[in-house]
PDB file of N, CA and C in Angstrom:
ATOM      1  N   MET A   1      -1.605  31.380   6.906  1.00  0.00           N
ATOM      2  CA  MET A   1      -0.433  32.135   6.285  1.00  0.00           C
ATOM      3  C   MET A   1       0.800  31.868   7.456  1.00  0.00           C
ATOM      4  N   GLU A   2       0.419  31.888   8.685  1.00  0.00           N
ATOM      5  CA  GLU A   2       1.486  31.814   9.631  1.00  0.00           C
ATOM      6  C   GLU A   2       2.027  30.301   9.646  1.00  0.00           C
ATOM      7  N   PHE A   3       0.968  29.370   9.358  1.00  0.00           N
ATOM      8  CA  PHE A   3       1.461  27.951   9.209  1.00  0.00           C
ATOM      9  C   PHE A   3       2.481  27.829   8.122  1.00  0.00           C
ATOM     10  N   LEU A   4       2.259  28.454   7.098  1.00  0.00           N
ATOM     11  CA  LEU A   4       3.200  28.378   5.887  1.00  0.00           C
ATOM     12  C   LEU A   4       4.439  28.928   6.252  1.00  0.00           C
ATOM     13  N   TRP A   5       4.657  29.926   6.878  1.00  0.00           N
ATOM     14  CA  TRP A   5       5.952  30.592   7.355  1.00  0.00           C
ATOM     15  C   TRP A   5       6.639  29.652   8.304  1.00  0.00           C
ATOM     16  N   ALA A   6       5.785  29.178   9.158  1.00  0.00           N
ATOM     17  CA  ALA A   6       6.349  28.105  10.284  1.00  0.00           C
ATOM     18  C   ALA A   6       6.985  27.024   9.627  1.00  0.00           C
ATOM     19  N   LEU A   7       6.042  26.412   8.553  1.00  0.00           N
ATOM     20  CA  LEU A   7       6.695  25.306   7.878  1.00  0.00           C
ATOM     21  C   LEU A   7       7.931  25.566   6.994  1.00  0.00           C
ATOM     22  N   ILE A   8       8.027  26.696   6.478  1.00  0.00           N
ATOM     23  CA  ILE A   8       9.305  27.124   5.567  1.00  0.00           C
ATOM     24  C   ILE A   8      10.466  27.230   6.706  1.00  0.00           C
ATOM     25  N   ILE A   9      10.363  27.870   7.830  1.00  0.00           N
ATOM     26  CA  ILE A   9      11.292  27.984   8.747  1.00  0.00           C
ATOM     27  C   ILE A   9      11.763  26.608   9.394  1.00  0.00           C
ATOM     28  N   VAL A  10      10.918  25.774   9.657  1.00  0.00           N
ATOM     29  CA  VAL A  10      11.168  24.477  10.076  1.00  0.00           C
ATOM     30  C   VAL A  10      11.934  23.610   8.953  1.00  0.00           C
ATOM     31  N   SER A  11      11.339  23.723   7.779  1.00  0.00           N
ATOM     32  CA  SER A  11      12.108  23.070   6.697  1.00  0.00           C
ATOM     33  C   SER A  11      13.590  23.504   6.509  1.00  0.00           C
ATOM     34  N   LEU A  12      13.720  24.952   6.573  1.00  0.00           N
ATOM     35  CA  LEU A  12      15.179  25.514   6.368  1.00  0.00           C
ATOM     36  C   LEU A  12      16.060  25.078   7.521  1.00  0.00           C
ATOM     37  N   ILE A  13      15.588  25.137   8.842  1.00  0.00           N
ATOM     38  CA  ILE A  13      16.421  24.635   9.859  1.00  0.00           C
ATOM     39  C   ILE A  13      16.652  23.084   9.690  1.00  0.00           C
ATOM     40  N   SER A  14      15.844  22.270   9.187  1.00  0.00           N
ATOM     41  CA  SER A  14      16.128  20.940   9.120  1.00  0.00           C
ATOM     42  C   SER A  14      17.098  20.781   8.042  1.00  0.00           C
ATOM     43  N   PHE A  15      16.911  21.505   7.029  1.00  0.00           N
ATOM     44  CA  PHE A  15      18.073  21.437   5.774  1.00  0.00           C
ATOM     45  C   PHE A  15      19.340  21.745   6.341  1.00  0.00           C
ATOM     46  N   ILE A  16      19.466  22.799   7.216  1.00  0.00           N
ATOM     47  CA  ILE A  16      20.784  23.338   7.727  1.00  0.00           C
ATOM     48  C   ILE A  16      21.198  22.189   8.694  1.00  0.00           C
ATOM     49  N   VAL A  17      20.534  21.612   9.592  1.00  0.00           N
ATOM     50  CA  VAL A  17      20.969  20.601  10.349  1.00  0.00           C
ATOM     51  C   VAL A  17      21.398  19.221   9.634  1.00  0.00           C
ATOM     52  N   VAL A  18      20.829  18.937   8.377  1.00  0.00           N
ATOM     53  CA  VAL A  18      21.297  17.807   7.599  1.00  0.00           C
ATOM     54  C   VAL A  18      22.637  18.139   6.956  1.00  0.00           C
ATOM     55  N   LEU A  19      22.760  19.188   6.530  1.00  0.00           N
ATOM     56  CA  LEU A  19      23.951  19.727   5.938  1.00  0.00           C
ATOM     57  C   LEU A  19      25.164  19.769   7.002  1.00  0.00           C
ATOM     58  N   ILE A  20      24.991  20.248   8.251  1.00  0.00           N
ATOM     59  CA  ILE A  20      25.932  20.112   9.257  1.00  0.00           C
ATOM     60  C   ILE A  20      26.280  18.773   9.623  1.00  0.00           C
ATOM     61  N   PHE A  21      25.190  17.837   9.719  1.00  0.00           N
ATOM     62  CA  PHE A  21      25.506  16.485  10.075  1.00  0.00           C
ATOM     63  C   PHE A  21      26.321  15.829   8.881  1.00  0.00           C
ATOM     64  N   ALA A  22      25.985  16.156   7.741  1.00  0.00           N
ATOM     65  CA  ALA A  22      26.822  15.488   6.531  1.00  0.00           C
ATOM     66  C   ALA A  22      28.184  15.976   6.582  1.00  0.00           C
ATOM     67  N   ALA A  23      28.532  17.083   6.802  1.00  0.00           N
ATOM     68  CA  ALA A  23      29.932  17.836   7.064  1.00  0.00           C
ATOM     69  C   ALA A  23      30.486  16.990   8.170  1.00  0.00           C
ATOM     70  N   ILE A  24      29.943  16.786   9.213  1.00  0.00           N
ATOM     71  CA  ILE A  24      30.688  16.064  10.404  1.00  0.00           C
ATOM     72  C   ILE A  24      30.912  14.575   9.952  1.00  0.00           C
ATOM     73  N   VAL A  25      29.996  14.031   9.223  1.00  0.00           N
ATOM     74  CA  VAL A  25      30.344  12.572   8.919  1.00  0.00           C
ATOM     75  C   VAL A  25      31.437  12.514   7.788  1.00  0.00           C
ATOM     76  N   ARG A  26      31.283  13.475   6.943  1.00  0.00           N
ATOM     77  CA  ARG A  26      32.435  13.468   5.824  1.00  0.00           C
ATOM     78  C   ARG A  26      33.875  13.756   6.434  1.00  0.00           C
ATOM     79  N   TYR A  27      33.886  14.694   7.541  1.00  0.00           N
ATOM     80  CA  TYR A  27      35.076  14.950   8.160  1.00  0.00           C
ATOM     81  C   TYR A  27      35.518  13.837   8.848  1.00  0.00           C
ATOM     82  N   ALA A  28      34.684  12.995   9.597  1.00  0.00           N
ATOM     83  CA  ALA A  28      35.072  11.967  10.221  1.00  0.00           C
ATOM     84  C   ALA A  28      35.575  10.773   9.224  1.00  0.00           C
ATOM     85  N   ILE A  29      35.099  10.652   8.189  1.00  0.00           N
ATOM     86  CA  ILE A  29      35.599   9.629   7.242  1.00  0.00           C
ATOM     87  C   ILE A  29      36.812  10.110   6.721  1.00  0.00           C
ATOM     88  N   ASP A  30      37.058  11.277   6.455  1.00  0.00           N
ATOM     89  CA  ASP A  30      38.248  11.773   5.700  1.00  0.00           C
ATOM     90  C   ASP A  30      39.308  11.679   6.888  1.00  0.00           C
ATOM     91  N   SER A  31      39.093  11.917   8.070  1.00  0.00           N
ATOM     92  CA  SER A  31      40.263  11.938   9.042  1.00  0.00           C
ATOM     93  C   SER A  31      40.714  10.615   9.590  1.00  0.00           C
ATOM     94  N   SER A  32      39.822   9.565   9.184  1.00  0.00           N
ATOM     95  CA  SER A  32      40.135   8.178   9.616  1.00  0.00           C
ATOM     96  C   SER A  32      40.909   7.659   8.383  1.00  0.00           C
ATOM     97  N   LYS A  33      40.998   8.323   7.339  1.00  0.00           N
ATOM     98  CA  LYS A  33      42.005   7.719   6.220  1.00  0.00           C
ATOM     99  C   LYS A  33      41.319   6.278   5.801  1.00  0.00           C
ATOM    100  N   THR A  34      40.143   6.174   5.851  1.00  0.00           N
ATOM    101  CA  THR A  34      39.454   4.827   5.605  1.00  0.00           C
ATOM    102  C   THR A  34      39.491   4.780   4.060  1.00  0.00           C
ATOM    103  N   SER A  35      39.342   5.898   3.240  1.00  0.00           N
ATOM    104  CA  SER A  35      39.297   5.688   1.813  1.00  0.00           C
ATOM    105  C   SER A  35      40.600   5.457   1.236  1.00  0.00           C
ATOM    106  N   LYS A  36      41.641   5.915   1.748  1.00  0.00           N
ATOM    107  CA  LYS A  36      43.093   5.700   1.340  1.00  0.00           C
ATOM    108  C   LYS A  36      43.287   4.179   1.660  1.00  0.00           C
ATOM    109  N   LYS A  37      42.973   3.622   2.831  1.00  0.00           N
ATOM    110  CA  LYS A  37      43.205   2.309   3.111  1.00  0.00           C
ATOM    111  C   LYS A  37      42.372   1.416   2.084  1.00  0.00           C
ATOM    112  N   LEU A  38      41.159   1.806   1.852  1.00  0.00           N
ATOM    113  CA  LEU A  38      40.426   1.036   0.911  1.00  0.00           C
ATOM    114  C   LEU A  38      41.090   0.899  -0.511  1.00  0.00           C
ATOM    115  N   ASP A  39      41.484   2.148  -0.941  1.00  0.00           N
ATOM    116  CA  ASP A  39      42.281   2.051  -2.119  1.00  0.00           C
ATOM    117  C   ASP A  39      43.461   1.129  -2.258  1.00  0.00           C
ATOM    118  N   VAL A  40      44.220   1.136  -1.126  1.00  0.00           N
ATOM    119  CA  VAL A  40      45.380   0.279  -1.049  1.00  0.00           C
ATOM    120  C   VAL A  40      44.792  -1.164  -1.061  1.00  0.00           C
ATOM    121  N   LEU A  41      43.838  -1.501  -0.391  1.00  0.00           N
ATOM    122  CA  LEU A  41      43.324  -2.892  -0.379  1.00  0.00           C
ATOM    123  C   LEU A  41      42.755  -3.342  -1.703  1.00  0.00           C
ATOM    124  N   ILE A  42      42.061  -2.312  -2.347  1.00  0.00           N
ATOM    125  CA  ILE A  42      41.647  -2.772  -3.697  1.00  0.00           C
ATOM    126  C   ILE A  42      42.642  -3.061  -4.642  1.00  0.00           C
ATOM    127  N   LYS A  43      43.911  -2.159  -4.695  1.00  0.00           N
ATOM    128  CA  LYS A  43      45.036  -2.467  -5.531  1.00  0.00           C
ATOM    129  C   LYS A  43      45.695  -3.814  -5.132  1.00  0.00           C
ATOM    130  N   GLU A  44      45.859  -4.074  -3.912  1.00  0.00           N
ATOM    131  CA  GLU A  44      46.390  -5.379  -3.398  1.00  0.00           C
ATOM    132  C   GLU A  44      45.422  -6.588  -3.950  1.00  0.00           C
ATOM    133  N   VAL A  45      44.173  -6.565  -3.918  1.00  0.00           N
ATOM    134  CA  VAL A  45      43.404  -7.581  -4.399  1.00  0.00           C
ATOM    135  C   VAL A  45      43.433  -7.716  -5.919  1.00  0.00           C
ATOM    136  N   HIS A  46      43.512  -6.573  -6.576  1.00  0.00           N
ATOM    137  CA  HIS A  46      43.768  -6.725  -8.084  1.00  0.00           C
ATOM    138  C   HIS A  46      45.098  -7.315  -8.409  1.00  0.00           C
ATOM    139  N   HIS A  47      46.179  -7.051  -7.700  1.00  0.00           N
ATOM    140  CA  HIS A  47      47.427  -7.681  -7.985  1.00  0.00           C
ATOM    141  C   HIS A  47      47.317  -9.081  -7.601  1.00  0.00           C
ATOM    142  N   LEU A  48      46.614  -9.531  -6.588  1.00  0.00           N
ATOM    143  CA  LEU A  48      46.506 -10.896  -6.200  1.00  0.00           C
ATOM    144  C   LEU A  48      45.646 -11.682  -7.237  1.00  0.00           C
ATOM    145  N   LYS A  49      44.614 -11.071  -7.800  1.00  0.00           N
ATOM    146  CA  LYS A  49      43.764 -11.643  -8.817  1.00  0.00           C
ATOM    147  C   LYS A  49      44.669 -11.933 -10.010  1.00  0.00           C
ATOM    148  N   THR A  50      45.339 -10.755 -10.475  1.00  0.00           N
ATOM    149  CA  THR A  50      46.301 -11.009 -11.609  1.00  0.00           C
ATOM    150  C   THR A  50      47.309 -12.079 -11.442  1.00  0.00           C
ATOM    151  N   GLU A  51      47.957 -12.204 -10.315  1.00  0.00           N
ATOM    152  CA  GLU A  51      48.913 -13.313 -10.082  1.00  0.00           C
ATOM    153  C   GLU A  51      48.328 -14.579 -10.072  1.00  0.00           C
ATOM    154  N   ILE A  52      47.020 -14.789  -9.560  1.00  0.00           N
ATOM    155  CA  ILE A  52      46.389 -16.067  -9.513  1.00  0.00           C
ATOM    156  C   ILE A  52      46.070 -16.444 -10.984  1.00  0.00           C
ATOM    157  N   LYS A  53      45.602 -15.623 -11.700  1.00  0.00           N
ATOM    158  CA  LYS A  53      45.228 -15.838 -13.121  1.00  0.00           C
ATOM    159  C   LYS A  53      46.536 -16.272 -13.968  1.00  0.00           C
ATOM    160  N   LYS A  54      47.485 -15.580 -13.686  1.00  0.00           N
ATOM    161  CA  LYS A  54      48.979 -15.802 -14.300  1.00  0.00           C
ATOM    162  C   LYS A  54      49.357 -17.478 -13.881  1.00  0.00           C
ATOM    163  N   GLN A  55      49.210 -17.676 -12.625  1.00  0.00           N
ATOM    164  CA  GLN A  55      49.602 -19.052 -12.303  1.00  0.00           C
ATOM    165  C   GLN A  55      48.694 -20.058 -12.809  1.00  0.00           C
ATOM    166  N   GLN A  56      47.415 -19.762 -12.957  1.00  0.00           N
ATOM    167  CA  GLN A  56      46.427 -20.870 -13.654  1.00  0.00           C
ATOM    168  C   GLN A  56      46.809 -20.957 -15.044  1.00  0.00           C
ATOM    169  N   PHE A  57      47.172 -19.819 -15.745  1.00  0.00           N
ATOM    170  CA  PHE A  57      47.496 -19.835 -17.166  1.00  0.00           C
ATOM    171  C   PHE A  57      48.821 -20.797 -17.357  1.00  0.00           C
ATOM    172  N   ASP A  58      49.597 -20.426 -16.361  1.00  0.00           N
ATOM    173  CA  ASP A  58      50.982 -21.208 -16.483  1.00  0.00           C
ATOM    174  C   ASP A  58      50.740 -22.714 -16.260  1.00  0.00           C
ATOM    175  N   LYS A  59      49.910 -23.038 -15.338  1.00  0.00           N
ATOM    176  CA  LYS A  59      49.692 -24.310 -14.888  1.00  0.00           C
ATOM    177  C   LYS A  59      48.907 -25.134 -16.109  1.00  0.00           C
ATOM    178  N   GLN A  60      47.929 -24.432 -16.676  1.00  0.00           N
ATOM    179  CA  GLN A  60      47.159 -24.975 -17.927  1.00  0.00           C
ATOM    180  C   GLN A  60      48.282 -25.244 -19.076  1.00  0.00           C
ATOM    181  N   ARG A  61      49.135 -24.237 -19.108  1.00  0.00           N
ATOM    182  CA  ARG A  61      50.037 -24.387 -20.270  1.00  0.00           C
ATOM    183  C   ARG A  61      50.897 -25.672 -20.155  1.00  0.00           C
ATOM    184  N   ASP A  62      51.592 -25.557 -18.786  1.00  0.00           N
ATOM    185  CA  ASP A  62      52.418 -26.951 -18.548  1.00  0.00           C
ATOM    186  C   ASP A  62      51.537 -28.223 -18.568  1.00  0.00           C
ATOM    187  N   ASP A  63      50.192 -28.223 -18.284  1.00  0.00           N
ATOM    188  CA  ASP A  63      49.393 -29.530 -18.316  1.00  0.00           C
ATOM    189  C   ASP A  63      49.281 -29.674 -19.841  1.00  0.00           C
ATOM    190  N   SER A  64      49.047 -28.753 -20.723  1.00  0.00           N
ATOM    191  CA  SER A  64      48.758 -29.050 -22.086  1.00  0.00           C
ATOM    192  C   SER A  64      50.089 -29.558 -22.807  1.00  0.00           C
ATOM    193  N   LYS A  65      51.286 -29.132 -22.310  1.00  0.00           N
ATOM    194  CA  LYS A  65      52.429 -29.718 -22.813  1.00  0.00           C
ATOM    195  C   LYS A  65      52.619 -31.185 -22.513  1.00  0.00           C
ATOM    196  N   HIS A  66      52.203 -31.561 -21.430  1.00  0.00           N
ATOM    197  CA  HIS A  66      52.302 -33.024 -21.111  1.00  0.00           C
ATOM    198  C   HIS A  66      51.279 -33.786 -21.844  1.00  0.00           C
ATOM    199  N   ILE A  67      50.184 -33.219 -22.073  1.00  0.00           N
ATOM    200  CA  ILE A  67      49.251 -34.016 -22.906  1.00  0.00           C
ATOM    201  C   ILE A  67      49.685 -34.237 -24.321  1.00  0.00           C
ATOM    202  N   ILE A  68      50.340 -33.178 -24.938  1.00  0.00           N
ATOM    203  CA  ILE A  68      50.865 -33.226 -26.145  1.00  0.00           C
ATOM    204  C   ILE A  68      52.103 -34.302 -26.266  1.00  0.00           C
ATOM    205  N   ASP A  69      52.914 -34.164 -25.244  1.00  0.00           N
ATOM    206  CA  ASP A  69      53.943 -35.066 -25.234  1.00  0.00           C
ATOM    207  C   ASP A  69      53.569 -36.613 -25.246  1.00  0.00           C
ATOM    208  N   GLU A  70      52.492 -36.897 -24.364  1.00  0.00           N
ATOM    209  CA  GLU A  70      51.913 -38.271 -24.223  1.00  0.00           C
ATOM    210  C   GLU A  70      51.347 -38.697 -25.403  1.00  0.00           C
ATOM    211  N   LYS A  71      50.581 -37.917 -26.245  1.00  0.00           N
ATOM    212  CA  LYS A  71      50.050 -38.335 -27.459  1.00  0.00           C
ATOM    213  C   LYS A  71      51.046 -38.577 -28.434  1.00  0.00           C
ATOM    214  N   VAL A  72      52.194 -37.878 -28.609  1.00  0.00           N
ATOM    215  CA  VAL A  72      53.094 -38.021 -29.664  1.00  0.00           C
ATOM    216  C   VAL A  72      53.905 -39.359 -29.276  1.00  0.00           C
TER     217      VAL A  72
END
C-alpha cells in the first residue's frame, strides 16, 4: 500500500514538473516572437509563389502567340 501511495505522489510531482517545463518553453517561444516572424515568412513565400506562377503563365501565353503567328 505504501508503494502505491509513493507511486501516486511521484507521478503527481512528475506531472507538475512537466507542466511547468511546458509553460517555460511556451513562454520562451512567445517572447521570441518566432511565430509572428514565421507567419510573415509564410505570407512572403506565398506571394512569391503566386508571382512566379503569374510570370510563367504570361511567358507561356506570349510563347503561344508566337507559335500561332508562325503557323499562320
